[in-house]
Amino acid sequence: MKNNASGDEPLKALATKLTTAARPVALRHGIRTFWADLAIDLWTVLQQRVAYVGRRIVFAQRPSDYDLWEQFLLAELTEAAYSAALRYTKRRSSLELQKDLYHAFGRALDDIGRQALLCHVLTVFAEDGIIPAPS
Protein backbone atom coordinates (compact mmCIF):
# COMPACT_ATOMS: atom_id res chain seq x y z
CA MET A 1 0.00 0.00 0.00
CA LYS A 2 1.26 3.48 -0.84
CA ASN A 3 1.97 6.03 1.84
CA ASN A 4 -0.75 8.48 0.90
CA ALA A 5 -1.41 10.89 3.75
CA SER A 6 -4.66 12.24 2.31
CA GLY A 7 -5.83 8.76 1.34
CA ASP A 8 -5.37 7.50 4.87
CA GLU A 9 -7.59 10.22 6.33
CA PRO A 10 -10.93 8.37 5.84
CA LEU A 11 -9.59 5.30 7.68
CA LYS A 12 -8.14 7.49 10.43
CA ALA A 13 -11.47 9.28 10.82
CA LEU A 14 -13.31 5.95 10.97
CA ALA A 15 -10.86 4.58 13.56
CA THR A 16 -11.36 7.74 15.64
CA LYS A 17 -15.16 7.32 15.58
CA LEU A 18 -14.83 3.67 16.59
CA THR A 19 -12.36 4.50 19.38
CA THR A 20 -14.78 7.13 20.68
CA ALA A 21 -17.56 4.51 20.70
CA ALA A 22 -15.37 2.11 22.70
CA ARG A 23 -14.49 4.59 25.46
CA PRO A 24 -17.75 4.47 27.47
CA VAL A 25 -17.76 0.68 27.17
CA ALA A 26 -14.25 0.45 28.63
CA LEU A 27 -15.16 2.79 31.49
CA ARG A 28 -18.39 0.91 32.21
CA HIS A 29 -16.39 -2.29 32.51
CA GLY A 30 -13.97 -0.84 35.01
CA ILE A 31 -11.01 -0.24 32.76
CA ARG A 32 -9.64 2.78 34.60
CA THR A 33 -6.22 3.10 33.04
CA PHE A 34 -4.92 6.34 31.67
CA TRP A 35 -7.39 6.76 28.79
CA ALA A 36 -4.80 8.09 26.33
CA ASP A 37 -2.81 4.84 26.47
CA LEU A 38 -5.86 2.67 25.80
CA ALA A 39 -7.18 5.10 23.17
CA ILE A 40 -3.93 4.96 21.21
CA ASP A 41 -3.90 1.17 21.33
CA LEU A 42 -7.57 0.96 20.35
CA TRP A 43 -7.18 3.48 17.54
CA THR A 44 -4.20 1.61 16.14
CA VAL A 45 -5.77 -1.85 16.17
CA LEU A 46 -9.11 -0.56 14.89
CA GLN A 47 -7.50 1.27 11.98
CA GLN A 48 -5.52 -1.86 11.11
CA ARG A 49 -8.62 -4.06 11.23
CA VAL A 50 -10.68 -1.68 9.11
CA ALA A 51 -7.90 -1.68 6.50
CA TYR A 52 -7.63 -5.48 6.66
CA VAL A 53 -11.37 -6.05 6.32
CA GLY A 54 -11.72 -3.21 3.83
CA ARG A 55 -9.62 -5.09 1.33
CA ARG A 56 -12.29 -7.80 1.30
CA ILE A 57 -15.10 -5.43 0.23
CA VAL A 58 -13.48 -5.37 -3.20
CA PHE A 59 -14.78 -8.91 -3.72
CA ALA A 60 -18.41 -8.03 -2.97
CA GLN A 61 -20.58 -8.91 -5.93
CA ARG A 62 -24.11 -8.42 -4.59
CA PRO A 63 -25.76 -6.11 -2.02
CA SER A 64 -26.05 -9.08 0.36
CA ASP A 65 -22.25 -9.36 0.25
CA TYR A 66 -22.06 -5.98 1.96
CA ASP A 67 -24.15 -7.29 4.87
CA LEU A 68 -21.78 -10.22 5.30
CA TRP A 69 -18.78 -7.89 5.04
CA GLU A 70 -20.28 -5.58 7.69
CA GLN A 71 -20.82 -8.52 10.07
CA PHE A 72 -17.24 -9.63 9.45
CA LEU A 73 -16.06 -6.07 10.14
CA LEU A 74 -18.02 -5.94 13.41
CA ALA A 75 -16.56 -9.26 14.54
CA GLU A 76 -13.01 -8.17 13.66
CA LEU A 77 -13.41 -4.77 15.36
CA THR A 78 -14.81 -6.41 18.48
CA GLU A 79 -12.00 -8.96 18.67
CA ALA A 80 -9.31 -6.31 18.15
CA ALA A 81 -10.73 -3.88 20.72
CA TYR A 82 -11.41 -6.66 23.21
CA SER A 83 -7.83 -7.92 22.98
CA ALA A 84 -6.49 -4.38 23.42
CA ALA A 85 -8.78 -3.69 26.40
CA LEU A 86 -7.79 -6.90 28.17
CA ARG A 87 -4.21 -5.64 28.31
CA TYR A 88 -5.48 -2.92 30.67
CA THR A 89 -7.39 -5.09 33.12
CA LYS A 90 -6.67 -8.01 35.42
CA ARG A 91 -9.63 -9.96 34.06
CA ARG A 92 -8.88 -12.90 31.85
CA SER A 93 -12.08 -12.55 29.82
CA SER A 94 -15.48 -10.92 29.81
CA LEU A 95 -18.32 -11.93 27.54
CA GLU A 96 -20.20 -8.78 28.60
CA LEU A 97 -17.30 -6.59 27.48
CA GLN A 98 -17.22 -8.34 24.10
CA LYS A 99 -20.98 -7.99 23.68
CA ASP A 100 -20.96 -4.32 24.66
CA LEU A 101 -18.10 -3.53 22.28
CA TYR A 102 -19.92 -5.33 19.46
CA HIS A 103 -23.09 -3.32 20.07
CA ALA A 104 -21.19 -0.03 20.43
CA PHE A 105 -19.43 -0.62 17.12
CA GLY A 106 -22.70 -1.65 15.50
CA ARG A 107 -24.30 1.62 16.59
CA ALA A 108 -21.27 3.59 15.40
CA LEU A 109 -21.43 1.94 11.97
CA ASP A 110 -25.19 2.57 11.81
CA ASP A 111 -24.58 6.23 12.67
CA ILE A 112 -21.94 6.49 9.97
CA GLY A 113 -24.27 4.83 7.48
CA ARG A 114 -23.65 2.28 4.76
CA GLN A 115 -22.84 4.82 2.05
CA ALA A 116 -20.40 6.81 4.19
CA LEU A 117 -18.73 3.64 5.48
CA LEU A 118 -18.19 2.37 1.97
CA CYS A 119 -16.91 5.80 0.95
CA HIS A 120 -14.41 5.77 3.85
CA VAL A 121 -13.07 2.38 2.90
CA LEU A 122 -13.24 2.49 -0.88
CA THR A 123 -11.66 5.95 -1.14
CA VAL A 124 -8.49 4.69 0.48
CA PHE A 125 -8.26 1.63 -1.75
CA ALA A 126 -8.98 3.60 -4.93
CA GLU A 127 -6.23 6.09 -4.07
CA ASP A 128 -3.83 3.24 -3.33
CA GLY A 129 -4.64 1.58 -6.65
CA ILE A 130 -6.10 -1.52 -5.00
CA ILE A 131 -9.39 -0.89 -6.84
CA PRO A 132 -10.09 1.30 -9.88
CA ALA A 133 -10.96 4.90 -9.05
CA PRO A 134 -14.45 5.97 -10.12
CA SER A 135 -14.46 7.82 -13.43
C-alpha atoms as a PDB file:
ATOM      1  CA  MET A   1       0.000   0.000   0.000  1.00  0.00           C
ATOM      2  CA  LYS A   2       1.261   3.482  -0.843  1.00  0.00           C
ATOM      3  CA  ASN A   3       1.973   6.033   1.839  1.00  0.00           C
ATOM      4  CA  ASN A   4      -0.748   8.484   0.900  1.00  0.00           C
ATOM      5  CA  ALA A   5      -1.412  10.892   3.753  1.00  0.00           C
ATOM      6  CA  SER A   6      -4.662  12.244   2.311  1.00  0.00           C
ATOM      7  CA  GLY A   7      -5.835   8.764   1.341  1.00  0.00           C
ATOM      8  CA  ASP A   8      -5.370   7.502   4.872  1.00  0.00           C
ATOM      9  CA  GLU A   9      -7.595  10.217   6.325  1.00  0.00           C
ATOM     10  CA  PRO A  10     -10.927   8.370   5.837  1.00  0.00           C
ATOM     11  CA  LEU A  11      -9.591   5.303   7.679  1.00  0.00           C
ATOM     12  CA  LYS A  12      -8.141   7.489  10.431  1.00  0.00           C
ATOM     13  CA  ALA A  13     -11.469   9.277  10.820  1.00  0.00           C
ATOM     14  CA  LEU A  14     -13.312   5.955  10.974  1.00  0.00           C
ATOM     15  CA  ALA A  15     -10.859   4.585  13.557  1.00  0.00           C
ATOM     16  CA  THR A  16     -11.364   7.738  15.636  1.00  0.00           C
ATOM     17  CA  LYS A  17     -15.158   7.316  15.581  1.00  0.00           C
ATOM     18  CA  LEU A  18     -14.827   3.674  16.590  1.00  0.00           C
ATOM     19  CA  THR A  19     -12.363   4.498  19.385  1.00  0.00           C
ATOM     20  CA  THR A  20     -14.781   7.125  20.682  1.00  0.00           C
ATOM     21  CA  ALA A  21     -17.557   4.510  20.697  1.00  0.00           C
ATOM     22  CA  ALA A  22     -15.368   2.108  22.703  1.00  0.00           C
ATOM     23  CA  ARG A  23     -14.487   4.593  25.459  1.00  0.00           C
ATOM     24  CA  PRO A  24     -17.750   4.467  27.466  1.00  0.00           C
ATOM     25  CA  VAL A  25     -17.759   0.678  27.175  1.00  0.00           C
ATOM     26  CA  ALA A  26     -14.254   0.454  28.627  1.00  0.00           C
ATOM     27  CA  LEU A  27     -15.159   2.786  31.488  1.00  0.00           C
ATOM     28  CA  ARG A  28     -18.394   0.913  32.212  1.00  0.00           C
ATOM     29  CA  HIS A  29     -16.389  -2.294  32.506  1.00  0.00           C
ATOM     30  CA  GLY A  30     -13.974  -0.841  35.013  1.00  0.00           C
ATOM     31  CA  ILE A  31     -11.009  -0.238  32.764  1.00  0.00           C
ATOM     32  CA  ARG A  32      -9.638   2.784  34.598  1.00  0.00           C
ATOM     33  CA  THR A  33      -6.221   3.097  33.040  1.00  0.00           C
ATOM     34  CA  PHE A  34      -4.916   6.342  31.667  1.00  0.00           C
ATOM     35  CA  TRP A  35      -7.390   6.764  28.792  1.00  0.00           C
ATOM     36  CA  ALA A  36      -4.801   8.088  26.327  1.00  0.00           C
ATOM     37  CA  ASP A  37      -2.815   4.836  26.473  1.00  0.00           C
ATOM     38  CA  LEU A  38      -5.856   2.670  25.805  1.00  0.00           C
ATOM     39  CA  ALA A  39      -7.179   5.101  23.169  1.00  0.00           C
ATOM     40  CA  ILE A  40      -3.925   4.959  21.207  1.00  0.00           C
ATOM     41  CA  ASP A  41      -3.896   1.168  21.333  1.00  0.00           C
ATOM     42  CA  LEU A  42      -7.567   0.963  20.347  1.00  0.00           C
ATOM     43  CA  TRP A  43      -7.183   3.481  17.541  1.00  0.00           C
ATOM     44  CA  THR A  44      -4.196   1.607  16.141  1.00  0.00           C
ATOM     45  CA  VAL A  45      -5.771  -1.847  16.172  1.00  0.00           C
ATOM     46  CA  LEU A  46      -9.115  -0.560  14.891  1.00  0.00           C
ATOM     47  CA  GLN A  47      -7.502   1.269  11.981  1.00  0.00           C
ATOM     48  CA  GLN A  48      -5.517  -1.865  11.105  1.00  0.00           C
ATOM     49  CA  ARG A  49      -8.617  -4.063  11.234  1.00  0.00           C
ATOM     50  CA  VAL A  50     -10.682  -1.678   9.108  1.00  0.00           C
ATOM     51  CA  ALA A  51      -7.896  -1.678   6.504  1.00  0.00           C
ATOM     52  CA  TYR A  52      -7.629  -5.477   6.658  1.00  0.00           C
ATOM     53  CA  VAL A  53     -11.367  -6.052   6.321  1.00  0.00           C
ATOM     54  CA  GLY A  54     -11.721  -3.214   3.832  1.00  0.00           C
ATOM     55  CA  ARG A  55      -9.618  -5.087   1.326  1.00  0.00           C
ATOM     56  CA  ARG A  56     -12.285  -7.795   1.298  1.00  0.00           C
ATOM     57  CA  ILE A  57     -15.099  -5.432   0.230  1.00  0.00           C
ATOM     58  CA  VAL A  58     -13.479  -5.371  -3.203  1.00  0.00           C
ATOM     59  CA  PHE A  59     -14.776  -8.910  -3.725  1.00  0.00           C
ATOM     60  CA  ALA A  60     -18.411  -8.028  -2.972  1.00  0.00           C
ATOM     61  CA  GLN A  61     -20.575  -8.907  -5.935  1.00  0.00           C
ATOM     62  CA  ARG A  62     -24.115  -8.424  -4.587  1.00  0.00           C
ATOM     63  CA  PRO A  63     -25.757  -6.111  -2.019  1.00  0.00           C
ATOM     64  CA  SER A  64     -26.047  -9.079   0.358  1.00  0.00           C
ATOM     65  CA  ASP A  65     -22.249  -9.361   0.253  1.00  0.00           C
ATOM     66  CA  TYR A  66     -22.062  -5.976   1.961  1.00  0.00           C
ATOM     67  CA  ASP A  67     -24.151  -7.287   4.870  1.00  0.00           C
ATOM     68  CA  LEU A  68     -21.777 -10.215   5.304  1.00  0.00           C
ATOM     69  CA  TRP A  69     -18.783  -7.891   5.038  1.00  0.00           C
ATOM     70  CA  GLU A  70     -20.277  -5.583   7.689  1.00  0.00           C
ATOM     71  CA  GLN A  71     -20.820  -8.520  10.075  1.00  0.00           C
ATOM     72  CA  PHE A  72     -17.240  -9.633   9.450  1.00  0.00           C
ATOM     73  CA  LEU A  73     -16.061  -6.073  10.138  1.00  0.00           C
ATOM     74  CA  LEU A  74     -18.021  -5.941  13.407  1.00  0.00           C
ATOM     75  CA  ALA A  75     -16.564  -9.259  14.544  1.00  0.00           C
ATOM     76  CA  GLU A  76     -13.015  -8.169  13.659  1.00  0.00           C
ATOM     77  CA  LEU A  77     -13.408  -4.773  15.361  1.00  0.00           C
ATOM     78  CA  THR A  78     -14.807  -6.413  18.477  1.00  0.00           C
ATOM     79  CA  GLU A  79     -12.000  -8.961  18.674  1.00  0.00           C
ATOM     80  CA  ALA A  80      -9.312  -6.307  18.147  1.00  0.00           C
ATOM     81  CA  ALA A  81     -10.733  -3.879  20.722  1.00  0.00           C
ATOM     82  CA  TYR A  82     -11.411  -6.661  23.214  1.00  0.00           C
ATOM     83  CA  SER A  83      -7.831  -7.918  22.978  1.00  0.00           C
ATOM     84  CA  ALA A  84      -6.493  -4.382  23.423  1.00  0.00           C
ATOM     85  CA  ALA A  85      -8.779  -3.690  26.397  1.00  0.00           C
ATOM     86  CA  LEU A  86      -7.787  -6.902  28.169  1.00  0.00           C
ATOM     87  CA  ARG A  87      -4.206  -5.644  28.314  1.00  0.00           C
ATOM     88  CA  TYR A  88      -5.476  -2.920  30.670  1.00  0.00           C
ATOM     89  CA  THR A  89      -7.392  -5.090  33.120  1.00  0.00           C
ATOM     90  CA  LYS A  90      -6.667  -8.005  35.418  1.00  0.00           C
ATOM     91  CA  ARG A  91      -9.633  -9.962  34.055  1.00  0.00           C
ATOM     92  CA  ARG A  92      -8.876 -12.905  31.849  1.00  0.00           C
ATOM     93  CA  SER A  93     -12.083 -12.550  29.820  1.00  0.00           C
ATOM     94  CA  SER A  94     -15.476 -10.920  29.815  1.00  0.00           C
ATOM     95  CA  LEU A  95     -18.318 -11.932  27.541  1.00  0.00           C
ATOM     96  CA  GLU A  96     -20.197  -8.781  28.598  1.00  0.00           C
ATOM     97  CA  LEU A  97     -17.300  -6.585  27.477  1.00  0.00           C
ATOM     98  CA  GLN A  98     -17.225  -8.339  24.099  1.00  0.00           C
ATOM     99  CA  LYS A  99     -20.979  -7.994  23.681  1.00  0.00           C
ATOM    100  CA  ASP A 100     -20.960  -4.321  24.661  1.00  0.00           C
ATOM    101  CA  LEU A 101     -18.099  -3.529  22.276  1.00  0.00           C
ATOM    102  CA  TYR A 102     -19.920  -5.328  19.464  1.00  0.00           C
ATOM    103  CA  HIS A 103     -23.090  -3.316  20.075  1.00  0.00           C
ATOM    104  CA  ALA A 104     -21.193  -0.028  20.430  1.00  0.00           C
ATOM    105  CA  PHE A 105     -19.426  -0.621  17.125  1.00  0.00           C
ATOM    106  CA  GLY A 106     -22.697  -1.649  15.498  1.00  0.00           C
ATOM    107  CA  ARG A 107     -24.303   1.620  16.594  1.00  0.00           C
ATOM    108  CA  ALA A 108     -21.275   3.588  15.400  1.00  0.00           C
ATOM    109  CA  LEU A 109     -21.426   1.938  11.972  1.00  0.00           C
ATOM    110  CA  ASP A 110     -25.187   2.568  11.806  1.00  0.00           C
ATOM    111  CA  ASP A 111     -24.577   6.228  12.673  1.00  0.00           C
ATOM    112  CA  ILE A 112     -21.938   6.486   9.971  1.00  0.00           C
ATOM    113  CA  GLY A 113     -24.266   4.828   7.478  1.00  0.00           C
ATOM    114  CA  ARG A 114     -23.648   2.285   4.764  1.00  0.00           C
ATOM    115  CA  GLN A 115     -22.843   4.823   2.053  1.00  0.00           C
ATOM    116  CA  ALA A 116     -20.401   6.809   4.195  1.00  0.00           C
ATOM    117  CA  LEU A 117     -18.735   3.643   5.482  1.00  0.00           C
ATOM    118  CA  LEU A 118     -18.192   2.372   1.969  1.00  0.00           C
ATOM    119  CA  CYS A 119     -16.912   5.796   0.954  1.00  0.00           C
ATOM    120  CA  HIS A 120     -14.407   5.773   3.850  1.00  0.00           C
ATOM    121  CA  VAL A 121     -13.067   2.382   2.899  1.00  0.00           C
ATOM    122  CA  LEU A 122     -13.239   2.494  -0.880  1.00  0.00           C
ATOM    123  CA  THR A 123     -11.662   5.954  -1.139  1.00  0.00           C
ATOM    124  CA  VAL A 124      -8.491   4.690   0.476  1.00  0.00           C
ATOM    125  CA  PHE A 125      -8.265   1.634  -1.747  1.00  0.00           C
ATOM    126  CA  ALA A 126      -8.980   3.599  -4.930  1.00  0.00           C
ATOM    127  CA  GLU A 127      -6.231   6.089  -4.067  1.00  0.00           C
ATOM    128  CA  ASP A 128      -3.833   3.237  -3.329  1.00  0.00           C
ATOM    129  CA  GLY A 129      -4.642   1.578  -6.652  1.00  0.00           C
ATOM    130  CA  ILE A 130      -6.104  -1.516  -5.003  1.00  0.00           C
ATOM    131  CA  ILE A 131      -9.386  -0.894  -6.840  1.00  0.00           C
ATOM    132  CA  PRO A 132     -10.086   1.304  -9.876  1.00  0.00           C
ATOM    133  CA  ALA A 133     -10.957   4.903  -9.047  1.00  0.00           C
ATOM    134  CA  PRO A 134     -14.453   5.969 -10.118  1.00  0.00           C
ATOM    135  CA  SER A 135     -14.458   7.820 -13.425  1.00  0.00           C
END
